[in-house]
Protein backbone atom coordinates (compact mmCIF):
# COMPACT_ATOMS: atom_id res chain seq x y z
CA UNK A 1 0.00 0.00 0.00
CA UNK A 2 1.32 3.42 -0.92
CA UNK A 3 2.04 5.82 1.93
CA UNK A 4 2.33 9.55 2.29
CA UNK A 5 5.90 10.76 1.70
CA UNK A 6 7.68 11.86 4.86
CA UNK A 7 7.59 15.64 5.17
CA UNK A 8 4.22 16.02 3.45
CA UNK A 9 0.72 16.25 4.91
CA UNK A 10 -2.82 15.46 3.81
CA UNK A 11 -5.09 18.48 4.20
CA UNK A 12 -8.65 17.55 5.17
CA UNK A 13 -11.31 18.34 7.76
CA UNK A 14 -10.47 21.14 10.16
CA UNK A 15 -6.93 21.51 8.79
CA UNK A 16 -8.26 22.12 5.28
CA UNK A 17 -10.83 24.56 6.63
CA UNK A 18 -7.99 26.46 8.34
CA UNK A 19 -6.05 26.68 5.04
CA UNK A 20 -9.18 27.91 3.28
CA UNK A 21 -9.75 30.43 6.08
CA UNK A 22 -6.20 31.75 5.67
CA UNK A 23 -6.83 32.25 1.96
CA UNK A 24 -10.13 34.00 2.70
CA UNK A 25 -8.37 36.39 5.10
CA UNK A 26 -5.73 37.07 2.44
CA UNK A 27 -8.29 37.56 -0.32
CA UNK A 28 -10.27 40.11 1.67
CA UNK A 29 -7.37 42.00 3.28
CA UNK A 30 -5.03 42.10 0.29
CA UNK A 31 -7.94 42.92 -2.00
CA UNK A 32 -8.71 45.92 0.19
CA UNK A 33 -5.17 47.14 -0.55
CA UNK A 34 -5.64 46.64 -4.30
CA UNK A 35 -3.84 43.30 -4.77
CA UNK A 36 -5.03 40.75 -7.36
CA UNK A 37 -4.45 37.02 -7.06
CA UNK A 38 -1.98 35.22 -9.30
CA UNK A 39 -1.16 31.53 -9.65
CA UNK A 40 2.09 30.42 -11.24
CA UNK A 41 3.14 26.88 -12.25
CA UNK A 42 4.58 24.59 -9.60
CA UNK A 43 7.20 23.68 -12.23
CA UNK A 44 9.66 26.32 -13.42
CA UNK A 45 12.94 26.31 -15.28
CA UNK A 46 15.83 25.95 -12.85
CA UNK A 47 17.31 29.22 -14.09
CA UNK A 48 14.28 31.10 -12.72
CA UNK A 49 15.43 30.18 -9.21
CA UNK A 50 19.18 30.29 -9.83
CA UNK A 51 18.92 33.85 -11.16
CA UNK A 52 16.29 34.93 -8.66
CA UNK A 53 16.99 33.19 -5.36
CA UNK A 54 20.75 32.99 -5.82
CA UNK A 55 23.12 30.17 -6.69
CA UNK A 56 24.84 30.43 -3.29
CA UNK A 57 21.68 29.87 -1.23
CA UNK A 58 20.93 26.61 0.56
CA UNK A 59 17.58 26.57 -1.24
CA UNK A 60 19.24 26.28 -4.66
CA UNK A 61 22.33 24.32 -3.63
CA UNK A 62 20.76 21.73 -1.34
CA UNK A 63 16.97 21.90 -1.11
CA UNK A 64 15.49 22.35 -4.57
CA UNK A 65 13.60 19.37 -6.00
CA UNK A 66 14.74 18.77 -9.58
CA UNK A 67 12.34 17.20 -12.07
CA UNK A 68 13.18 14.99 -15.06
CA UNK A 69 11.00 12.86 -17.31
CA UNK A 70 11.76 9.14 -17.26
CA UNK A 71 13.51 9.12 -20.65
CA UNK A 72 15.46 12.27 -19.85
CA UNK A 73 16.59 10.83 -16.54
CA UNK A 74 17.92 7.73 -18.32
CA UNK A 75 19.90 9.94 -20.70
CA UNK A 76 21.17 12.02 -17.80
CA UNK A 77 22.38 8.98 -15.87
CA UNK A 78 24.07 7.63 -18.98
CA UNK A 79 25.85 10.94 -19.64
CA UNK A 80 26.89 11.40 -16.01
CA UNK A 81 26.06 15.13 -16.01
CA UNK A 82 23.45 17.59 -17.27
CA UNK A 83 25.70 19.76 -19.43
CA UNK A 84 23.84 18.65 -22.56
CA UNK A 85 20.41 19.68 -21.30
CA UNK A 86 18.60 22.64 -22.78
CA UNK A 87 17.28 25.30 -20.34
CA UNK A 88 13.69 24.11 -20.88
CA UNK A 89 14.73 20.59 -19.85
CA UNK A 90 16.20 21.77 -16.54
CA UNK A 91 13.13 21.98 -14.32
CA UNK A 92 12.50 22.29 -10.59
CA UNK A 93 9.56 22.35 -8.21
CA UNK A 94 8.80 25.81 -6.86
CA UNK A 95 10.70 26.31 -3.52
CA UNK A 96 9.30 29.82 -2.92
CA UNK A 97 6.85 32.19 -4.57
CA UNK A 98 8.60 35.43 -5.46
CA UNK A 99 10.88 34.27 -8.29
CA UNK A 100 8.01 32.66 -10.21
CA UNK A 101 5.75 35.70 -9.81
CA UNK A 102 8.53 37.99 -11.03
CA UNK A 103 9.20 35.67 -13.97
CA UNK A 104 5.49 35.90 -14.87
CA UNK A 105 5.55 39.69 -14.51
CA UNK A 106 8.48 39.91 -16.94
CA UNK A 107 6.99 37.43 -19.40
CA UNK A 108 3.58 39.16 -19.50
CA UNK A 109 4.86 42.73 -19.08
CA UNK A 110 2.81 43.42 -15.95
CA UNK A 111 4.77 46.61 -15.25
CA UNK A 112 5.51 48.52 -18.47
CA UNK A 113 8.13 51.21 -18.05
CA UNK A 114 6.44 54.18 -16.45
CA UNK A 115 3.24 52.18 -15.96
CA UNK A 116 1.14 51.53 -12.88
CA UNK A 117 2.76 49.21 -10.31
CA UNK A 118 1.50 45.61 -10.24
CA UNK A 119 0.11 44.41 -6.90
CA UNK A 120 -0.19 40.62 -6.74
CA UNK A 121 -0.85 37.98 -4.09
CA UNK A 122 -0.70 34.19 -4.14
CA UNK A 123 -1.57 31.13 -2.03
CA UNK A 124 0.36 28.09 -3.21
CA UNK A 125 2.24 24.94 -2.27
CA UNK A 126 6.03 25.14 -2.08
CA UNK A 127 8.53 22.27 -2.23
CA UNK A 128 11.93 21.91 -0.57
CA UNK A 129 14.19 18.98 0.22
CA UNK A 130 14.16 19.76 3.93
CA UNK A 131 14.93 17.30 6.70
CA UNK A 132 11.38 16.87 8.02
CA UNK A 133 10.91 18.32 11.50
CA UNK A 134 8.59 20.63 13.40
CA UNK A 135 7.81 23.60 11.19
CA UNK A 136 9.84 22.28 8.23
CA UNK A 137 8.15 20.18 5.56
CA UNK A 138 9.01 19.05 2.06
CA UNK A 139 5.67 20.32 0.79
CA UNK A 140 4.29 23.34 2.60
CA UNK A 141 1.93 26.23 1.92
CA UNK A 142 2.51 29.95 1.76
CA UNK A 143 0.49 33.08 1.21
CA UNK A 144 2.46 36.04 -0.13
CA UNK A 145 2.29 39.42 -1.82
CA UNK A 146 4.51 41.05 -4.45
CA UNK A 147 4.35 44.80 -5.15
CA UNK A 148 6.25 45.50 -8.37
CA UNK A 149 7.10 49.00 -9.56
CA UNK A 150 6.99 50.74 -6.16
CA UNK A 151 10.28 52.32 -5.03
CA UNK A 152 9.02 54.60 -2.27
CA UNK A 153 9.74 53.59 1.36
CA UNK A 154 6.01 54.02 1.94
CA UNK A 155 5.53 50.74 0.02
CA UNK A 156 7.88 48.95 2.43
CA UNK A 157 5.99 50.32 5.42
CA UNK A 158 2.56 49.58 3.93
CA UNK A 159 3.62 46.00 3.21
CA UNK A 160 4.70 45.56 6.83
CA UNK A 161 1.48 47.16 8.12
CA UNK A 162 -0.57 44.85 5.89
CA UNK A 163 1.41 41.84 7.15
CA UNK A 164 0.75 42.70 10.79
CA UNK A 165 -2.96 43.19 10.08
CA UNK A 166 -2.99 39.78 8.41
CA UNK A 167 -1.56 38.14 11.53
CA UNK A 168 -4.09 39.89 13.75
CA UNK A 169 -6.94 38.67 11.55
CA UNK A 170 -5.51 35.15 11.82
CA UNK A 171 -5.84 35.31 15.60
CA UNK A 172 -2.56 36.73 16.95
CA UNK A 173 -2.57 39.73 19.26
CA UNK A 174 0.08 42.47 18.89
CA UNK A 175 1.56 41.32 22.21
CA UNK A 176 2.15 37.84 20.74
CA UNK A 177 4.28 39.11 17.86
CA UNK A 178 7.85 40.32 17.49
CA UNK A 179 8.56 42.27 14.29
CA UNK A 180 12.25 42.58 13.41
CA UNK A 181 13.52 44.94 10.71
CA UNK A 182 16.84 45.82 9.11
CA UNK A 183 18.33 47.36 5.99
CA UNK A 184 20.68 45.21 3.91
CA UNK A 185 21.94 48.11 1.81
CA UNK A 186 22.08 48.08 -1.98
CA UNK A 187 24.51 47.82 -4.88
CA UNK A 188 26.10 51.09 -3.80
CA UNK A 189 27.12 50.14 -0.27
CA UNK A 190 26.70 46.39 0.19
CA UNK A 191 29.68 45.16 -1.89
CA UNK A 192 32.20 46.93 0.36
CA UNK A 193 30.37 45.69 3.43
CA UNK A 194 30.37 42.11 2.11
CA UNK A 195 34.14 42.32 1.73
CA UNK A 196 34.46 43.43 5.36
CA UNK A 197 32.35 40.51 6.55
CA UNK A 198 34.24 38.10 4.29
CA UNK A 199 37.56 39.22 5.72
CA UNK A 200 36.17 38.95 9.26
CA UNK A 201 35.12 35.34 8.59
CA UNK A 202 38.50 34.46 7.10
CA UNK A 203 40.23 36.05 10.08
CA UNK A 204 38.23 33.68 12.31
CA UNK A 205 38.28 30.66 10.00
CA UNK A 206 39.42 28.29 12.75
CA UNK A 207 36.18 29.03 14.62
CA UNK A 208 33.78 28.90 11.66
CA UNK A 209 31.99 25.87 10.19
CA UNK A 210 32.70 24.56 6.69
CA UNK A 211 29.44 25.95 5.31
CA UNK A 212 30.28 29.48 6.46
CA UNK A 213 33.79 29.26 5.04
CA UNK A 214 32.36 28.11 1.71
CA UNK A 215 29.74 30.86 1.74
CA UNK A 216 32.39 33.46 2.55
CA UNK A 217 33.50 33.36 -1.07
CA UNK A 218 29.97 33.74 -2.46
CA UNK A 219 27.68 35.38 0.10
CA UNK A 220 29.40 35.97 3.45
CA UNK A 221 26.33 37.68 4.95
CA UNK A 222 24.67 34.26 5.26
CA UNK A 223 27.02 33.57 8.18
CA UNK A 224 24.80 35.82 10.32
CA UNK A 225 22.05 33.24 9.90
CA UNK A 226 24.19 30.18 10.67
CA UNK A 227 22.75 27.88 13.35
CA UNK A 228 26.18 26.60 14.42
CA UNK A 229 26.77 27.84 17.99
CA UNK A 230 30.45 28.64 17.40
CA UNK A 231 29.68 30.65 14.26
CA UNK A 232 26.82 32.41 16.02
CA UNK A 233 29.15 33.47 18.84
CA UNK A 234 31.86 34.69 16.44
CA UNK A 235 29.43 36.68 14.27
CA UNK A 236 28.28 38.71 17.27
CA UNK A 237 31.48 40.74 16.83
CA UNK A 238 31.29 41.02 13.02
CA UNK A 239 30.92 44.40 11.28
CA UNK A 240 27.28 45.54 11.10
CA UNK A 241 25.49 46.79 8.00
CA UNK A 242 23.96 49.60 10.07
CA UNK A 243 27.44 51.15 10.28
CA UNK A 244 28.06 50.77 6.55
CA UNK A 245 24.93 52.04 4.78
CA UNK A 246 25.24 54.69 2.09
CA UNK A 247 23.32 57.94 2.56
CA UNK A 248 20.46 56.90 0.25
CA UNK A 249 19.93 53.55 1.99
CA UNK A 250 20.11 55.16 5.40
CA UNK A 251 17.53 57.78 4.39
CA UNK A 252 15.26 55.08 2.93
CA UNK A 253 15.47 53.03 6.13
CA UNK A 254 14.81 56.03 8.37
CA UNK A 255 11.73 56.88 6.33
CA UNK A 256 10.39 53.33 6.61
CA UNK A 257 10.78 53.50 10.39
CA UNK A 258 9.09 56.90 10.49
CA UNK A 259 6.06 55.50 8.64
CA UNK A 260 5.89 52.51 11.01
CA UNK A 261 6.13 54.81 14.02
CA UNK A 262 3.31 56.97 12.65
CA UNK A 263 1.17 53.85 12.17
CA UNK A 264 1.83 52.67 15.72
CA UNK A 265 3.65 49.51 14.62
CA UNK A 266 6.12 48.20 17.21
CA UNK A 267 9.38 46.77 15.90
CA UNK A 268 12.87 45.73 16.96
CA UNK A 269 15.87 46.75 14.87
CA UNK A 270 18.16 43.77 14.27
CA UNK A 271 21.31 44.74 12.32
CA UNK A 272 22.19 41.03 11.93
CA UNK A 273 18.90 40.13 10.26
CA UNK A 274 19.47 38.65 6.81
CA UNK A 275 17.03 36.73 4.68
CA UNK A 276 17.83 33.32 3.24
CA UNK A 277 17.43 34.46 -0.37
CA UNK A 278 19.99 36.57 -2.21
CA UNK A 279 17.63 38.96 -4.00
CA UNK A 280 16.85 41.21 -1.02
CA UNK A 281 18.04 44.83 -0.90
CA UNK A 282 17.45 47.58 1.64
CA UNK A 283 14.46 46.81 3.88
CA UNK A 284 14.08 43.27 5.26
CA UNK A 285 11.76 42.07 8.00
CA UNK A 286 10.65 38.95 9.87
CA UNK A 287 7.93 38.13 12.38
CA UNK A 288 8.33 35.68 15.24
CA UNK A 289 6.01 34.49 18.00
CA UNK A 290 8.56 34.30 20.84
CA UNK A 291 6.50 31.98 23.05
CA UNK A 292 5.57 29.53 20.30
CA UNK A 293 8.96 27.93 19.61
CA UNK A 294 8.49 27.64 15.84
CA UNK A 295 10.91 30.30 14.56
CA UNK A 296 9.87 32.92 12.03
CA UNK A 297 6.28 32.62 10.81
CA UNK A 298 6.85 34.97 7.89
CA UNK A 299 8.90 37.79 6.48
CA UNK A 300 10.01 39.61 3.40
CA UNK A 301 11.65 42.73 2.11
CA UNK A 302 12.63 44.83 -0.87
CA UNK A 303 14.18 43.32 -4.02
CA UNK A 304 14.93 46.15 -6.43
CA UNK A 305 17.24 44.11 -8.68
CA UNK A 306 15.22 40.91 -9.04
CA UNK A 307 13.16 41.82 -12.11
CA UNK A 308 16.36 42.63 -13.99
CA UNK A 309 17.89 39.30 -12.90
CA UNK A 310 14.85 37.55 -14.38
CA UNK A 311 15.37 39.28 -17.73
CA UNK A 312 13.21 42.37 -17.31
CA UNK A 313 14.01 46.06 -17.18
CA UNK A 314 15.05 47.58 -13.83
CA UNK A 315 11.91 47.54 -11.68
CA UNK A 316 11.75 47.98 -7.90
CA UNK A 317 9.75 45.56 -5.80
CA UNK A 318 8.80 44.62 -2.25
CA UNK A 319 6.87 41.70 -0.81
CA UNK A 320 6.49 39.07 1.88
CA UNK A 321 5.38 35.49 2.45
CA UNK A 322 3.82 33.75 5.44
CA UNK A 323 3.84 30.04 6.18
CA UNK A 324 0.53 28.27 6.80
CA UNK A 325 1.93 25.33 8.74
CA UNK A 326 4.03 27.52 11.03
CA UNK A 327 1.08 29.80 11.70
CA UNK A 328 -0.98 26.76 12.72
CA UNK A 329 1.79 25.56 15.06
CA UNK A 330 2.12 29.02 16.61
CA UNK A 331 -1.62 29.40 17.15
CA UNK A 332 -1.75 25.95 18.72
CA UNK A 333 1.15 26.82 21.05
CA UNK A 334 -0.71 29.94 22.18
CA UNK A 335 -3.95 28.04 22.68
CA UNK A 336 -5.75 30.01 19.98
CA UNK A 337 -8.33 28.25 17.82
CA UNK A 338 -6.88 27.95 14.34
CA UNK A 339 -10.06 26.70 12.69
CA UNK A 340 -12.81 29.27 12.07
CA UNK A 341 -16.09 28.64 13.82
CA UNK A 342 -18.61 26.87 11.63
CA UNK A 343 -21.59 29.05 10.69
CA UNK A 344 -24.82 28.25 12.50
CA UNK A 345 -27.72 27.11 10.38
CA UNK A 346 -31.32 27.55 11.51
CA UNK A 347 -34.09 25.63 9.81
CA UNK A 348 -37.70 26.73 10.16
CA UNK A 349 -40.34 24.12 9.45
CA UNK A 350 -43.92 25.09 8.83
CA UNK A 351 -46.65 22.57 9.52
């Protein structure tokens, strides 16, 4: 008898109703802000993710599910490598939502130069070769938004405000949540900062893990997110991006914070906060539920260079994604009902 693959779940009953409820909350809230739903294929060309997410990321290097037809797999095994494959033959299951949405925006010209920004949201399954554990599955579900063509820091702040409203409508109170923000700089100031961090890692190479030493040559900032205790301790003394921002990035970040302050949104500045995907620039943010023990339940940021990486013209963008399964775990840990109450039905019978 066939069995469910480890790291996947069957959605039915109350769990399915909770997933549908999350989509209903997203549809109503994001629609109020002018976002339209989009659905992209679960299968994309590998290059969509290599260009978008970044070749140095764990997602691309270790976690992406590759897909080959039976005949193509036989040829691949016989050849011993995939150098002879055409781009359209190199496919992967979608590990996150942003790269595919941006690919679609480029392909269908959602944001013509000088045109109105595109505001899109999605609710889809994602696939990663994770080691199955609490809060980490091989097939999981995310709701996310992508705002393409908006460069103003007001878009960053509005995205964060919308995210926090989403969590509240899912059942979290403001006291439950911890919003962390940072600026990762841009092409003007980040390269020099990356070199500083790279040199810092190499100066402490005897205390760093092999993954961090390997990443130092490609994306040294990922060392801030390393779970190795020794690396974590060393990186506490590393140079901080907050001390290395250019004037434009600093002004952008200060304006984002000013908008959040005006909206009454509480946040914690974390100068070591980096996101696991290489496309982020300037504003990044994550939300945790400190008492739930499930890690981040969502996050996002600005990605002004991603559209160009996917073959389009320079177009700014900002967005976020939230994880359904982690939200359910967090609500359960807090003792909050994750499933919406069933509507009451009253029948009147006339004799």
